[in-house]
Amino acid sequence: MSNIAVDQVLAQIRSMSLQAGTAVKPAAPAAIEAPGSAGASSGPAFGELLKQGIDSVNHSQQNAGALADAWERGVSGVDLARVMIESQKASVSFRALTEVRNRLVSVYQDIMNMSI
């Protein structure tokens, strides 16, 4: 992945974090705790952020499905361009979520394959 792509992903994560009400700050080396130390985390847990991301993708897909259904039924005020845009947004967000899952599985496998 190029630096430009990484910077874009980080910018998207930061904007989503701001929308969720938390700020993602770059981790400083001093902020990283030693294994086994019991420090309090100031932000939401990783699991909570992942759940919020999954819920956001789910909401996007449900919204796209509802718009497509409304367009098929001929509801006034729903145009095809809006339906297609929402459908593409849902598709892109699902692909991004799938990529995050693939990266997490890859990291997990790398950690499990480390020799001690």
PDB file of N, CA and C in Angstrom:
ATOM      1  N   MET A   1       0.856  -1.168   0.000  1.00  0.00           N
ATOM      2  CA  MET A   1       0.000   0.000   0.000  1.00  0.00           C
ATOM      3  C   MET A   1       0.898   1.224   0.000  1.00  0.00           C
ATOM      4  N   SER A   2       0.627   2.178  -0.809  1.00  0.00           N
ATOM      5  CA  SER A   2       1.466   3.366  -0.921  1.00  0.00           C
ATOM      6  C   SER A   2       1.194   4.323   0.234  1.00  0.00           C
ATOM      7  N   ASN A   3       2.099   5.284   0.396  1.00  0.00           N
ATOM      8  CA  ASN A   3       1.936   6.287   1.454  1.00  0.00           C
ATOM      9  C   ASN A   3       0.674   7.103   1.257  1.00  0.00           C
ATOM     10  N   ILE A   4       0.348   7.391  -0.004  1.00  0.00           N
ATOM     11  CA  ILE A   4      -0.851   8.175  -0.290  1.00  0.00           C
ATOM     12  C   ILE A   4      -2.094   7.419   0.163  1.00  0.00           C
ATOM     13  N   ALA A   5      -2.164   6.131  -0.132  1.00  0.00           N
ATOM     14  CA  ALA A   5      -3.325   5.329   0.262  1.00  0.00           C
ATOM     15  C   ALA A   5      -3.418   5.234   1.781  1.00  0.00           C
ATOM     16  N   VAL A   6      -2.294   5.060   2.449  1.00  0.00           N
ATOM     17  CA  VAL A   6      -2.280   4.980   3.906  1.00  0.00           C
ATOM     18  C   VAL A   6      -2.744   6.298   4.509  1.00  0.00           C
ATOM     19  N   ASP A   7      -2.258   7.402   3.962  1.00  0.00           N
ATOM     20  CA  ASP A   7      -2.673   8.713   4.458  1.00  0.00           C
ATOM     21  C   ASP A   7      -4.172   8.930   4.254  1.00  0.00           C
ATOM     22  N   GLN A   8      -4.696   8.471   3.131  1.00  0.00           N
ATOM     23  CA  GLN A   8      -6.129   8.615   2.880  1.00  0.00           C
ATOM     24  C   GLN A   8      -6.939   7.790   3.861  1.00  0.00           C
ATOM     25  N   VAL A   9      -6.500   6.567   4.134  1.00  0.00           N
ATOM     26  CA  VAL A   9      -7.208   5.710   5.086  1.00  0.00           C
ATOM     27  C   VAL A   9      -7.160   6.326   6.480  1.00  0.00           C
ATOM     28  N   LEU A  10      -5.995   6.836   6.882  1.00  0.00           N
ATOM     29  CA  LEU A  10      -5.892   7.485   8.186  1.00  0.00           C
ATOM     30  C   LEU A  10      -6.788   8.711   8.278  1.00  0.00           C
ATOM     31  N   ALA A  11      -6.861   9.477   7.203  1.00  0.00           N
ATOM     32  CA  ALA A  11      -7.736  10.648   7.197  1.00  0.00           C
ATOM     33  C   ALA A  11      -9.199  10.227   7.338  1.00  0.00           C
ATOM     34  N   GLN A  12      -9.582   9.132   6.678  1.00  0.00           N
ATOM     35  CA  GLN A  12     -10.953   8.651   6.797  1.00  0.00           C
ATOM     36  C   GLN A  12     -11.239   8.152   8.208  1.00  0.00           C
ATOM     37  N   ILE A  13     -10.270   7.458   8.809  1.00  0.00           N
ATOM     38  CA  ILE A  13     -10.458   6.964  10.172  1.00  0.00           C
ATOM     39  C   ILE A  13     -10.617   8.141  11.130  1.00  0.00           C
ATOM     40  N   ARG A  14      -9.784   9.165  10.946  1.00  0.00           N
ATOM     41  CA  ARG A  14      -9.886  10.336  11.817  1.00  0.00           C
ATOM     42  C   ARG A  14     -11.224  11.038  11.650  1.00  0.00           C
ATOM     43  N   SER A  15     -11.716  11.164  10.411  1.00  0.00           N
ATOM     44  CA  SER A  15     -13.002  11.832  10.205  1.00  0.00           C
ATOM     45  C   SER A  15     -14.143  11.006  10.787  1.00  0.00           C
ATOM     46  N   MET A  16     -14.068   9.683  10.656  1.00  0.00           N
ATOM     47  CA  MET A  16     -15.098   8.823  11.250  1.00  0.00           C
ATOM     48  C   MET A  16     -15.028   8.898  12.770  1.00  0.00           C
ATOM     49  N   SER A  17     -13.836   9.022  13.310  1.00  0.00           N
ATOM     50  CA  SER A  17     -13.670   9.138  14.746  1.00  0.00           C
ATOM     51  C   SER A  17     -14.269  10.443  15.253  1.00  0.00           C
ATOM     52  N   LEU A  18     -14.059  11.517  14.512  1.00  0.00           N
ATOM     53  CA  LEU A  18     -14.644  12.796  14.900  1.00  0.00           C
ATOM     54  C   LEU A  18     -16.160  12.738  14.851  1.00  0.00           C
ATOM     55  N   GLN A  19     -16.711  12.036  13.864  1.00  0.00           N
ATOM     56  CA  GLN A  19     -18.158  11.878  13.768  1.00  0.00           C
ATOM     57  C   GLN A  19     -18.687  11.065  14.942  1.00  0.00           C
ATOM     58  N   ALA A  20     -17.889  10.093  15.407  1.00  0.00           N
ATOM     59  CA  ALA A  20     -18.304   9.259  16.531  1.00  0.00           C
ATOM     60  C   ALA A  20     -18.136   9.983  17.858  1.00  0.00           C
ATOM     61  N   GLY A  21     -17.419  11.127  17.829  1.00  0.00           N
ATOM     62  CA  GLY A  21     -17.271  11.898  19.042  1.00  0.00           C
ATOM     63  C   GLY A  21     -15.952  11.669  19.759  1.00  0.00           C
ATOM     64  N   THR A  22     -15.039  10.957  19.142  1.00  0.00           N
ATOM     65  CA  THR A  22     -13.731  10.736  19.742  1.00  0.00           C
ATOM     66  C   THR A  22     -12.680  11.190  18.762  1.00  0.00           C
ATOM     67  N   ALA A  23     -11.522  11.519  19.252  1.00  0.00           N
ATOM     68  CA  ALA A  23     -10.435  11.952  18.384  1.00  0.00           C
ATOM     69  C   ALA A  23      -9.351  10.893  18.364  1.00  0.00           C
ATOM     70  N   VAL A  24      -8.918  10.510  17.178  1.00  0.00           N
ATOM     71  CA  VAL A  24      -7.828   9.559  17.031  1.00  0.00           C
ATOM     72  C   VAL A  24      -6.552  10.365  16.894  1.00  0.00           C
ATOM     73  N   LYS A  25      -5.646  10.157  17.833  1.00  0.00           N
ATOM     74  CA  LYS A  25      -4.380  10.877  17.804  1.00  0.00           C
ATOM     75  C   LYS A  25      -3.278   9.881  17.501  1.00  0.00           C
ATOM     76  N   PRO A  26      -2.254  10.296  16.766  1.00  0.00           N
ATOM     77  CA  PRO A  26      -1.145   9.393  16.511  1.00  0.00           C
ATOM     78  C   PRO A  26      -0.500   8.991  17.827  1.00  0.00           C
ATOM     79  N   ALA A  27      -0.170   7.724  17.944  1.00  0.00           N
ATOM     80  CA  ALA A  27       0.430   7.220  19.168  1.00  0.00           C
ATOM     81  C   ALA A  27       1.893   7.629  19.234  1.00  0.00           C
ATOM     82  N   ALA A  28       2.260   8.233  20.331  1.00  0.00           N
ATOM     83  CA  ALA A  28       3.657   8.575  20.559  1.00  0.00           C
ATOM     84  C   ALA A  28       4.331   7.374  21.194  1.00  0.00           C
ATOM     85  N   PRO A  29       5.620   7.173  20.974  1.00  0.00           N
ATOM     86  CA  PRO A  29       6.292   6.025  21.570  1.00  0.00           C
ATOM     87  C   PRO A  29       6.149   5.974  23.082  1.00  0.00           C
ATOM     88  N   ALA A  30       6.108   7.115  23.750  1.00  0.00           N
ATOM     89  CA  ALA A  30       5.958   7.126  25.201  1.00  0.00           C
ATOM     90  C   ALA A  30       4.555   6.722  25.626  1.00  0.00           C
ATOM     91  N   ALA A  31       3.579   6.862  24.726  1.00  0.00           N
ATOM     92  CA  ALA A  31       2.203   6.524  25.071  1.00  0.00           C
ATOM     93  C   ALA A  31       1.940   5.031  25.026  1.00  0.00           C
ATOM     94  N   ILE A  32       2.832   4.270  24.435  1.00  0.00           N
ATOM     95  CA  ILE A  32       2.644   2.835  24.338  1.00  0.00           C
ATOM     96  C   ILE A  32       3.055   2.219  25.665  1.00  0.00           C
ATOM     97  N   GLU A  33       2.140   1.458  26.235  1.00  0.00           N
ATOM     98  CA  GLU A  33       2.392   0.870  27.537  1.00  0.00           C
ATOM     99  C   GLU A  33       3.095  -0.462  27.398  1.00  0.00           C
ATOM    100  N   ALA A  34       3.817  -0.803  28.417  1.00  0.00           N
ATOM    101  CA  ALA A  34       4.492  -2.094  28.445  1.00  0.00           C
ATOM    102  C   ALA A  34       3.459  -3.194  28.639  1.00  0.00           C
ATOM    103  N   PRO A  35       3.718  -4.401  28.098  1.00  0.00           N
ATOM    104  CA  PRO A  35       2.795  -5.502  28.302  1.00  0.00           C
ATOM    105  C   PRO A  35       2.624  -5.788  29.783  1.00  0.00           C
ATOM    106  N   GLY A  36       1.392  -5.986  30.170  1.00  0.00           N
ATOM    107  CA  GLY A  36       1.103  -6.315  31.549  1.00  0.00           C
ATOM    108  C   GLY A  36       0.833  -5.100  32.419  1.00  0.00           C
ATOM    109  N   SER A  37       1.105  -3.892  31.938  1.00  0.00           N
ATOM    110  CA  SER A  37       0.821  -2.724  32.749  1.00  0.00           C
ATOM    111  C   SER A  37      -0.658  -2.412  32.650  1.00  0.00           C
ATOM    112  N   ALA A  38      -1.210  -1.992  33.751  1.00  0.00           N
ATOM    113  CA  ALA A  38      -2.649  -1.749  33.809  1.00  0.00           C
ATOM    114  C   ALA A  38      -2.902  -0.257  33.779  1.00  0.00           C
ATOM    115  N   GLY A  39      -2.945   0.332  32.598  1.00  0.00           N
ATOM    116  CA  GLY A  39      -3.217   1.751  32.451  1.00  0.00           C
ATOM    117  C   GLY A  39      -4.620   1.952  31.927  1.00  0.00           C
ATOM    118  N   ALA A  40      -5.221   3.084  32.267  1.00  0.00           N
ATOM    119  CA  ALA A  40      -6.578   3.362  31.806  1.00  0.00           C
ATOM    120  C   ALA A  40      -6.520   3.922  30.394  1.00  0.00           C
ATOM    121  N   SER A  41      -7.409   3.457  29.552  1.00  0.00           N
ATOM    122  CA  SER A  41      -7.487   3.944  28.178  1.00  0.00           C
ATOM    123  C   SER A  41      -8.410   5.147  28.143  1.00  0.00           C
ATOM    124  N   SER A  42      -8.005   6.185  27.415  1.00  0.00           N
ATOM    125  CA  SER A  42      -8.810   7.395  27.382  1.00  0.00           C
ATOM    126  C   SER A  42      -9.885   7.353  26.304  1.00  0.00           C
ATOM    127  N   GLY A  43      -9.738   6.504  25.305  1.00  0.00           N
ATOM    128  CA  GLY A  43     -10.700   6.425  24.214  1.00  0.00           C
ATOM    129  C   GLY A  43     -11.502   5.139  24.264  1.00  0.00           C
ATOM    130  N   PRO A  44     -12.412   4.983  23.318  1.00  0.00           N
ATOM    131  CA  PRO A  44     -13.201   3.758  23.284  1.00  0.00           C
ATOM    132  C   PRO A  44     -12.321   2.559  22.929  1.00  0.00           C
ATOM    133  N   ALA A  45     -12.752   1.402  23.353  1.00  0.00           N
ATOM    134  CA  ALA A  45     -12.007   0.183  23.101  1.00  0.00           C
ATOM    135  C   ALA A  45     -12.047  -0.161  21.613  1.00  0.00           C
ATOM    136  N   PHE A  46     -11.074  -0.954  21.184  1.00  0.00           N
ATOM    137  CA  PHE A  46     -10.996  -1.350  19.787  1.00  0.00           C
ATOM    138  C   PHE A  46     -12.279  -2.064  19.356  1.00  0.00           C
ATOM    139  N   GLY A  47     -12.782  -2.919  20.210  1.00  0.00           N
ATOM    140  CA  GLY A  47     -14.010  -3.649  19.899  1.00  0.00           C
ATOM    141  C   GLY A  47     -15.193  -2.728  19.663  1.00  0.00           C
ATOM    142  N   GLU A  48     -15.258  -1.650  20.443  1.00  0.00           N
ATOM    143  CA  GLU A  48     -16.347  -0.690  20.274  1.00  0.00           C
ATOM    144  C   GLU A  48     -16.231   0.035  18.935  1.00  0.00           C
ATOM    145  N   LEU A  49     -14.995   0.415  18.576  1.00  0.00           N
ATOM    146  CA  LEU A  49     -14.793   1.083  17.288  1.00  0.00           C
ATOM    147  C   LEU A  49     -15.134   0.151  16.130  1.00  0.00           C
ATOM    148  N   LEU A  50     -14.746  -1.110  16.252  1.00  0.00           N
ATOM    149  CA  LEU A  50     -15.060  -2.084  15.212  1.00  0.00           C
ATOM    150  C   LEU A  50     -16.570  -2.276  15.097  1.00  0.00           C
ATOM    151  N   LYS A  51     -17.255  -2.349  16.235  1.00  0.00           N
ATOM    152  CA  LYS A  51     -18.712  -2.501  16.217  1.00  0.00           C
ATOM    153  C   LYS A  51     -19.378  -1.290  15.577  1.00  0.00           C
ATOM    154  N   GLN A  52     -18.873  -0.094  15.877  1.00  0.00           N
ATOM    155  CA  GLN A  52     -19.432   1.110  15.262  1.00  0.00           C
ATOM    156  C   GLN A  52     -19.246   1.089  13.749  1.00  0.00           C
ATOM    157  N   GLY A  53     -18.085   0.630  13.299  1.00  0.00           N
ATOM    158  CA  GLY A  53     -17.836   0.529  11.863  1.00  0.00           C
ATOM    159  C   GLY A  53     -18.771  -0.467  11.195  1.00  0.00           C
ATOM    160  N   ILE A  54     -18.960  -1.611  11.832  1.00  0.00           N
ATOM    161  CA  ILE A  54     -19.866  -2.630  11.283  1.00  0.00           C
ATOM    162  C   ILE A  54     -21.289  -2.106  11.254  1.00  0.00           C
ATOM    163  N   ASP A  55     -21.700  -1.436  12.329  1.00  0.00           N
ATOM    164  CA  ASP A  55     -23.055  -0.868  12.369  1.00  0.00           C
ATOM    165  C   ASP A  55     -23.244   0.194  11.277  1.00  0.00           C
ATOM    166  N   SER A  56     -22.192   0.976  11.029  1.00  0.00           N
ATOM    167  CA  SER A  56     -22.272   2.001   9.991  1.00  0.00           C
ATOM    168  C   SER A  56     -22.445   1.370   8.611  1.00  0.00           C
ATOM    169  N   VAL A  57     -21.694   0.315   8.336  1.00  0.00           N
ATOM    170  CA  VAL A  57     -21.825  -0.393   7.055  1.00  0.00           C
ATOM    171  C   VAL A  57     -23.217  -1.004   6.938  1.00  0.00           C
ATOM    172  N   ASN A  58     -23.700  -1.605   8.022  1.00  0.00           N
ATOM    173  CA  ASN A  58     -25.027  -2.204   8.012  1.00  0.00           C
ATOM    174  C   ASN A  58     -26.102  -1.153   7.737  1.00  0.00           C
ATOM    175  N   HIS A  59     -25.977   0.006   8.384  1.00  0.00           N
ATOM    176  CA  HIS A  59     -26.945   1.085   8.170  1.00  0.00           C
ATOM    177  C   HIS A  59     -26.916   1.563   6.720  1.00  0.00           C
ATOM    178  N   SER A  60     -25.716   1.675   6.175  1.00  0.00           N
ATOM    179  CA  SER A  60     -25.566   2.107   4.781  1.00  0.00           C
ATOM    180  C   SER A  60     -26.229   1.117   3.826  1.00  0.00           C
ATOM    181  N   GLN A  61     -26.031  -0.171   4.080  1.00  0.00           N
ATOM    182  CA  GLN A  61     -26.647  -1.192   3.221  1.00  0.00           C
ATOM    183  C   GLN A  61     -28.165  -1.201   3.363  1.00  0.00           C
ATOM    184  N   GLN A  62     -28.653  -1.041   4.586  1.00  0.00           N
ATOM    185  CA  GLN A  62     -30.105  -1.005   4.782  1.00  0.00           C
ATOM    186  C   GLN A  62     -30.720   0.221   4.113  1.00  0.00           C
ATOM    187  N   ASN A  63     -30.036   1.356   4.193  1.00  0.00           N
ATOM    188  CA  ASN A  63     -30.518   2.576   3.555  1.00  0.00           C
ATOM    189  C   ASN A  63     -30.573   2.403   2.039  1.00  0.00           C
ATOM    190  N   ALA A  64     -29.509   1.821   1.475  1.00  0.00           N
ATOM    191  CA  ALA A  64     -29.487   1.593   0.028  1.00  0.00           C
ATOM    192  C   ALA A  64     -30.602   0.634  -0.389  1.00  0.00           C
ATOM    193  N   GLY A  65     -30.811  -0.404   0.393  1.00  0.00           N
ATOM    194  CA  GLY A  65     -31.885  -1.361   0.094  1.00  0.00           C
ATOM    195  C   GLY A  65     -33.255  -0.728   0.171  1.00  0.00           C
ATOM    196  N   ALA A  66     -33.460   0.120   1.176  1.00  0.00           N
ATOM    197  CA  ALA A  66     -34.752   0.792   1.327  1.00  0.00           C
ATOM    198  C   ALA A  66     -35.008   1.759   0.170  1.00  0.00           C
ATOM    199  N   LEU A  67     -33.960   2.483  -0.249  1.00  0.00           N
ATOM    200  CA  LEU A  67     -34.129   3.391  -1.388  1.00  0.00           C
ATOM    201  C   LEU A  67     -34.422   2.628  -2.668  1.00  0.00           C
ATOM    202  N   ALA A  68     -33.719   1.514  -2.877  1.00  0.00           N
ATOM    203  CA  ALA A  68     -33.965   0.704  -4.072  1.00  0.00           C
ATOM    204  C   ALA A  68     -35.386   0.159  -4.063  1.00  0.00           C
ATOM    205  N   ASP A  69     -35.849  -0.271  -2.904  1.00  0.00           N
ATOM    206  CA  ASP A  69     -37.212  -0.793  -2.786  1.00  0.00           C
ATOM    207  C   ASP A  69     -38.233   0.316  -3.057  1.00  0.00           C
ATOM    208  N   ALA A  70     -37.972   1.499  -2.519  1.00  0.00           N
ATOM    209  CA  ALA A  70     -38.887   2.622  -2.744  1.00  0.00           C
ATOM    210  C   ALA A  70     -38.920   3.001  -4.222  1.00  0.00           C
ATOM    211  N   TRP A  71     -37.763   2.986  -4.870  1.00  0.00           N
ATOM    212  CA  TRP A  71     -37.730   3.313  -6.300  1.00  0.00           C
ATOM    213  C   TRP A  71     -38.489   2.277  -7.110  1.00  0.00           C
ATOM    214  N   GLU A  72     -38.323   0.991  -6.744  1.00  0.00           N
ATOM    215  CA  GLU A  72     -39.032  -0.075  -7.468  1.00  0.00           C
ATOM    216  C   GLU A  72     -40.541   0.035  -7.303  1.00  0.00           C
ATOM    217  N   ARG A  73     -40.978   0.521  -6.139  1.00  0.00           N
ATOM    218  CA  ARG A  73     -42.419   0.684  -5.912  1.00  0.00           C
ATOM    219  C   ARG A  73     -42.954   1.971  -6.521  1.00  0.00           C
ATOM    220  N   GLY A  74     -42.060   2.827  -7.008  1.00  0.00           N
ATOM    221  CA  GLY A  74     -42.503   4.055  -7.666  1.00  0.00           C
ATOM    222  C   GLY A  74     -42.814   5.187  -6.712  1.00  0.00           C
ATOM    223  N   VAL A  75     -42.225   5.198  -5.547  1.00  0.00           N
ATOM    224  CA  VAL A  75     -42.450   6.276  -4.579  1.00  0.00           C
ATOM    225  C   VAL A  75     -41.925   7.582  -5.171  1.00  0.00           C
ATOM    226  N   SER A  76     -42.723   8.632  -5.055  1.00  0.00           N
ATOM    227  CA  SER A  76     -42.300   9.913  -5.623  1.00  0.00           C
ATOM    228  C   SER A  76     -41.168  10.503  -4.786  1.00  0.00           C
ATOM    229  N   GLY A  77     -40.274  11.200  -5.470  1.00  0.00           N
ATOM    230  CA  GLY A  77     -39.156  11.835  -4.787  1.00  0.00           C
ATOM    231  C   GLY A  77     -37.908  10.966  -4.715  1.00  0.00           C
ATOM    232  N   VAL A  78     -37.998   9.729  -5.178  1.00  0.00           N
ATOM    233  CA  VAL A  78     -36.833   8.835  -5.171  1.00  0.00           C
ATOM    234  C   VAL A  78     -36.392   8.655  -6.614  1.00  0.00           C
ATOM    235  N   ASP A  79     -35.213   9.198  -6.939  1.00  0.00           N
ATOM    236  CA  ASP A  79     -34.730   9.071  -8.308  1.00  0.00           C
ATOM    237  C   ASP A  79     -33.645   8.003  -8.401  1.00  0.00           C
ATOM    238  N   LEU A  80     -33.457   7.520  -9.598  1.00  0.00           N
ATOM    239  CA  LEU A  80     -32.521   6.424  -9.841  1.00  0.00           C
ATOM    240  C   LEU A  80     -31.081   6.812  -9.506  1.00  0.00           C
ATOM    241  N   ALA A  81     -30.709   8.040  -9.770  1.00  0.00           N
ATOM    242  CA  ALA A  81     -29.332   8.472  -9.487  1.00  0.00           C
ATOM    243  C   ALA A  81     -29.029   8.369  -7.990  1.00  0.00           C
ATOM    244  N   ARG A  82     -29.948   8.796  -7.165  1.00  0.00           N
ATOM    245  CA  ARG A  82     -29.764   8.708  -5.712  1.00  0.00           C
ATOM    246  C   ARG A  82     -29.673   7.253  -5.265  1.00  0.00           C
ATOM    247  N   VAL A  83     -30.499   6.404  -5.838  1.00  0.00           N
ATOM    248  CA  VAL A  83     -30.475   4.975  -5.506  1.00  0.00           C
ATOM    249  C   VAL A  83     -29.122   4.378  -5.867  1.00  0.00           C
ATOM    250  N   MET A  84     -28.623   4.703  -7.043  1.00  0.00           N
ATOM    251  CA  MET A  84     -27.342   4.146  -7.486  1.00  0.00           C
ATOM    252  C   MET A  84     -26.185   4.673  -6.645  1.00  0.00           C
ATOM    253  N   ILE A  85     -26.225   5.934  -6.270  1.00  0.00           N
ATOM    254  CA  ILE A  85     -25.159   6.501  -5.439  1.00  0.00           C
ATOM    255  C   ILE A  85     -25.142   5.826  -4.077  1.00  0.00           C
ATOM    256  N   GLU A  86     -26.295   5.675  -3.458  1.00  0.00           N
ATOM    257  CA  GLU A  86     -26.353   5.017  -2.147  1.00  0.00           C
ATOM    258  C   GLU A  86     -25.933   3.556  -2.243  1.00  0.00           C
ATOM    259  N   SER A  87     -26.292   2.914  -3.338  1.00  0.00           N
ATOM    260  CA  SER A  87     -25.892   1.523  -3.541  1.00  0.00           C
ATOM    261  C   SER A  87     -24.375   1.406  -3.671  1.00  0.00           C
ATOM    262  N   GLN A  88     -23.764   2.319  -4.395  1.00  0.00           N
ATOM    263  CA  GLN A  88     -22.307   2.302  -4.543  1.00  0.00           C
ATOM    264  C   GLN A  88     -21.609   2.642  -3.230  1.00  0.00           C
ATOM    265  N   LYS A  89     -22.172   3.570  -2.463  1.00  0.00           N
ATOM    266  CA  LYS A  89     -21.598   3.882  -1.150  1.00  0.00           C
ATOM    267  C   LYS A  89     -21.617   2.641  -0.254  1.00  0.00           C
ATOM    268  N   ALA A  90     -22.733   1.923  -0.265  1.00  0.00           N
ATOM    269  CA  ALA A  90     -22.841   0.713   0.546  1.00  0.00           C
ATOM    270  C   ALA A  90     -21.854  -0.341   0.076  1.00  0.00           C
ATOM    271  N   SER A  91     -21.686  -0.456  -1.229  1.00  0.00           N
ATOM    272  CA  SER A  91     -20.748  -1.426  -1.783  1.00  0.00           C
ATOM    273  C   SER A  91     -19.312  -1.104  -1.396  1.00  0.00           C
ATOM    274  N   VAL A  92     -18.936   0.160  -1.505  1.00  0.00           N
ATOM    275  CA  VAL A  92     -17.573   0.570  -1.163  1.00  0.00           C
ATOM    276  C   VAL A  92     -17.319   0.385   0.330  1.00  0.00           C
ATOM    277  N   SER A  93     -18.279   0.743   1.162  1.00  0.00           N
ATOM    278  CA  SER A  93     -18.077   0.585   2.602  1.00  0.00           C
ATOM    279  C   SER A  93     -17.984  -0.887   2.985  1.00  0.00           C
ATOM    280  N   PHE A  94     -18.741  -1.754   2.315  1.00  0.00           N
ATOM    281  CA  PHE A  94     -18.648  -3.188   2.602  1.00  0.00           C
ATOM    282  C   PHE A  94     -17.298  -3.744   2.170  1.00  0.00           C
ATOM    283  N   ARG A  95     -16.808  -3.309   1.010  1.00  0.00           N
ATOM    284  CA  ARG A  95     -15.481  -3.766   0.563  1.00  0.00           C
ATOM    285  C   ARG A  95     -14.390  -3.287   1.509  1.00  0.00           C
ATOM    286  N   ALA A  96     -14.523  -2.069   2.016  1.00  0.00           N
ATOM    287  CA  ALA A  96     -13.542  -1.558   2.977  1.00  0.00           C
ATOM    288  C   ALA A  96     -13.578  -2.364   4.268  1.00  0.00           C
ATOM    289  N   LEU A  97     -14.774  -2.693   4.741  1.00  0.00           N
ATOM    290  CA  LEU A  97     -14.909  -3.511   5.941  1.00  0.00           C
ATOM    291  C   LEU A  97     -14.315  -4.900   5.728  1.00  0.00           C
ATOM    292  N   THR A  98     -14.532  -5.462   4.549  1.00  0.00           N
ATOM    293  CA  THR A  98     -13.961  -6.766   4.229  1.00  0.00           C
ATOM    294  C   THR A  98     -12.435  -6.695   4.217  1.00  0.00           C
ATOM    295  N   GLU A  99     -11.896  -5.605   3.698  1.00  0.00           N
ATOM    296  CA  GLU A  99     -10.438  -5.438   3.682  1.00  0.00           C
ATOM    297  C   GLU A  99      -9.884  -5.309   5.092  1.00  0.00           C
ATOM    298  N   VAL A 100     -10.600  -4.594   5.960  1.00  0.00           N
ATOM    299  CA  VAL A 100     -10.177  -4.480   7.357  1.00  0.00           C
ATOM    300  C   VAL A 100     -10.173  -5.859   8.001  1.00  0.00           C
ATOM    301  N   ARG A 101     -11.212  -6.631   7.752  1.00  0.00           N
ATOM    302  CA  ARG A 101     -11.264  -7.990   8.293  1.00  0.00           C
ATOM    303  C   ARG A 101     -10.102  -8.824   7.786  1.00  0.00           C
ATOM    304  N   ASN A 102      -9.801  -8.740   6.496  1.00  0.00           N
ATOM    305  CA  ASN A 102      -8.693  -9.502   5.925  1.00  0.00           C
ATOM    306  C   ASN A 102      -7.369  -9.100   6.557  1.00  0.00           C
ATOM    307  N   ARG A 103      -7.189  -7.811   6.783  1.00  0.00           N
ATOM    308  CA  ARG A 103      -5.946  -7.338   7.409  1.00  0.00           C
ATOM    309  C   ARG A 103      -5.846  -7.830   8.843  1.00  0.00           C
ATOM    310  N   LEU A 104      -6.943  -7.799   9.574  1.00  0.00           N
ATOM    311  CA  LEU A 104      -6.930  -8.282  10.953  1.00  0.00           C
ATOM    312  C   LEU A 104      -6.609  -9.778  11.016  1.00  0.00           C
ATOM    313  N   VAL A 105      -7.186 -10.550  10.125  1.00  0.00           N
ATOM    314  CA  VAL A 105      -6.894 -11.983  10.085  1.00  0.00           C
ATOM    315  C   VAL A 105      -5.433 -12.212   9.738  1.00  0.00           C
ATOM    316  N   SER A 106      -4.914 -11.446   8.800  1.00  0.00           N
ATOM    317  CA  SER A 106      -3.518 -11.576   8.407  1.00  0.00           C
ATOM    318  C   SER A 106      -2.580 -11.251   9.576  1.00  0.00           C
ATOM    319  N   VAL A 107      -2.873 -10.176  10.289  1.00  0.00           N
ATOM    320  CA  VAL A 107      -2.057  -9.807  11.449  1.00  0.00           C
ATOM    321  C   VAL A 107      -2.143 -10.884  12.519  1.00  0.00           C
ATOM    322  N   TYR A 108      -3.337 -11.387  12.760  1.00  0.00           N
ATOM    323  CA  TYR A 108      -3.514 -12.448  13.749  1.00  0.00           C
ATOM    324  C   TYR A 108      -2.684 -13.679  13.366  1.00  0.00           C
ATOM    325  N   GLN A 109      -2.721 -14.049  12.094  1.00  0.00           N
ATOM    326  CA  GLN A 109      -1.953 -15.213  11.652  1.00  0.00           C
ATOM    327  C   GLN A 109      -0.449 -14.962  11.780  1.00  0.00           C
ATOM    328  N   ASP A 110      -0.013 -13.742  11.454  1.00  0.00           N
ATOM    329  CA  ASP A 110       1.406 -13.405  11.619  1.00  0.00           C
ATOM    330  C   ASP A 110       1.846 -13.514  13.073  1.00  0.00           C
ATOM    331  N   ILE A 111       1.010 -13.029  13.966  1.00  0.00           N
ATOM    332  CA  ILE A 111       1.348 -13.100  15.393  1.00  0.00           C
ATOM    333  C   ILE A 111       1.376 -14.554  15.862  1.00  0.00           C
ATOM    334  N   MET A 112       0.413 -15.332  15.418  1.00  0.00           N
ATOM    335  CA  MET A 112       0.362 -16.740  15.841  1.00  0.00           C
ATOM    336  C   MET A 112       1.526 -17.547  15.278  1.00  0.00           C
ATOM    337  N   ASN A 113       2.085 -17.141  14.155  1.00  0.00           N
ATOM    338  CA  ASN A 113       3.195 -17.862  13.546  1.00  0.00           C
ATOM    339  C   ASN A 113       4.557 -17.405  14.056  1.00  0.00           C
ATOM    340  N   MET A 114       4.569 -16.399  14.939  1.00  0.00           N
ATOM    341  CA  MET A 114       5.845 -15.932  15.480  1.00  0.00           C
ATOM    342  C   MET A 114       6.435 -17.007  16.393  1.00  0.00           C
ATOM    343  N   SER A 115       7.738 -17.165  16.289  1.00  0.00           N
ATOM    344  CA  SER A 115       8.391 -18.113  17.189  1.00  0.00           C
ATOM    345  C   SER A 115       8.789 -17.388  18.476  1.00  0.00           C
ATOM    346  N   ILE A 116       8.688 -18.099  19.553  1.00  0.00           N
ATOM    347  CA  ILE A 116       8.992 -17.494  20.847  1.00  0.00           C
ATOM    348  C   ILE A 116      10.360 -17.940  21.312  1.00  0.00           C
TER     349      ILE A 116
END
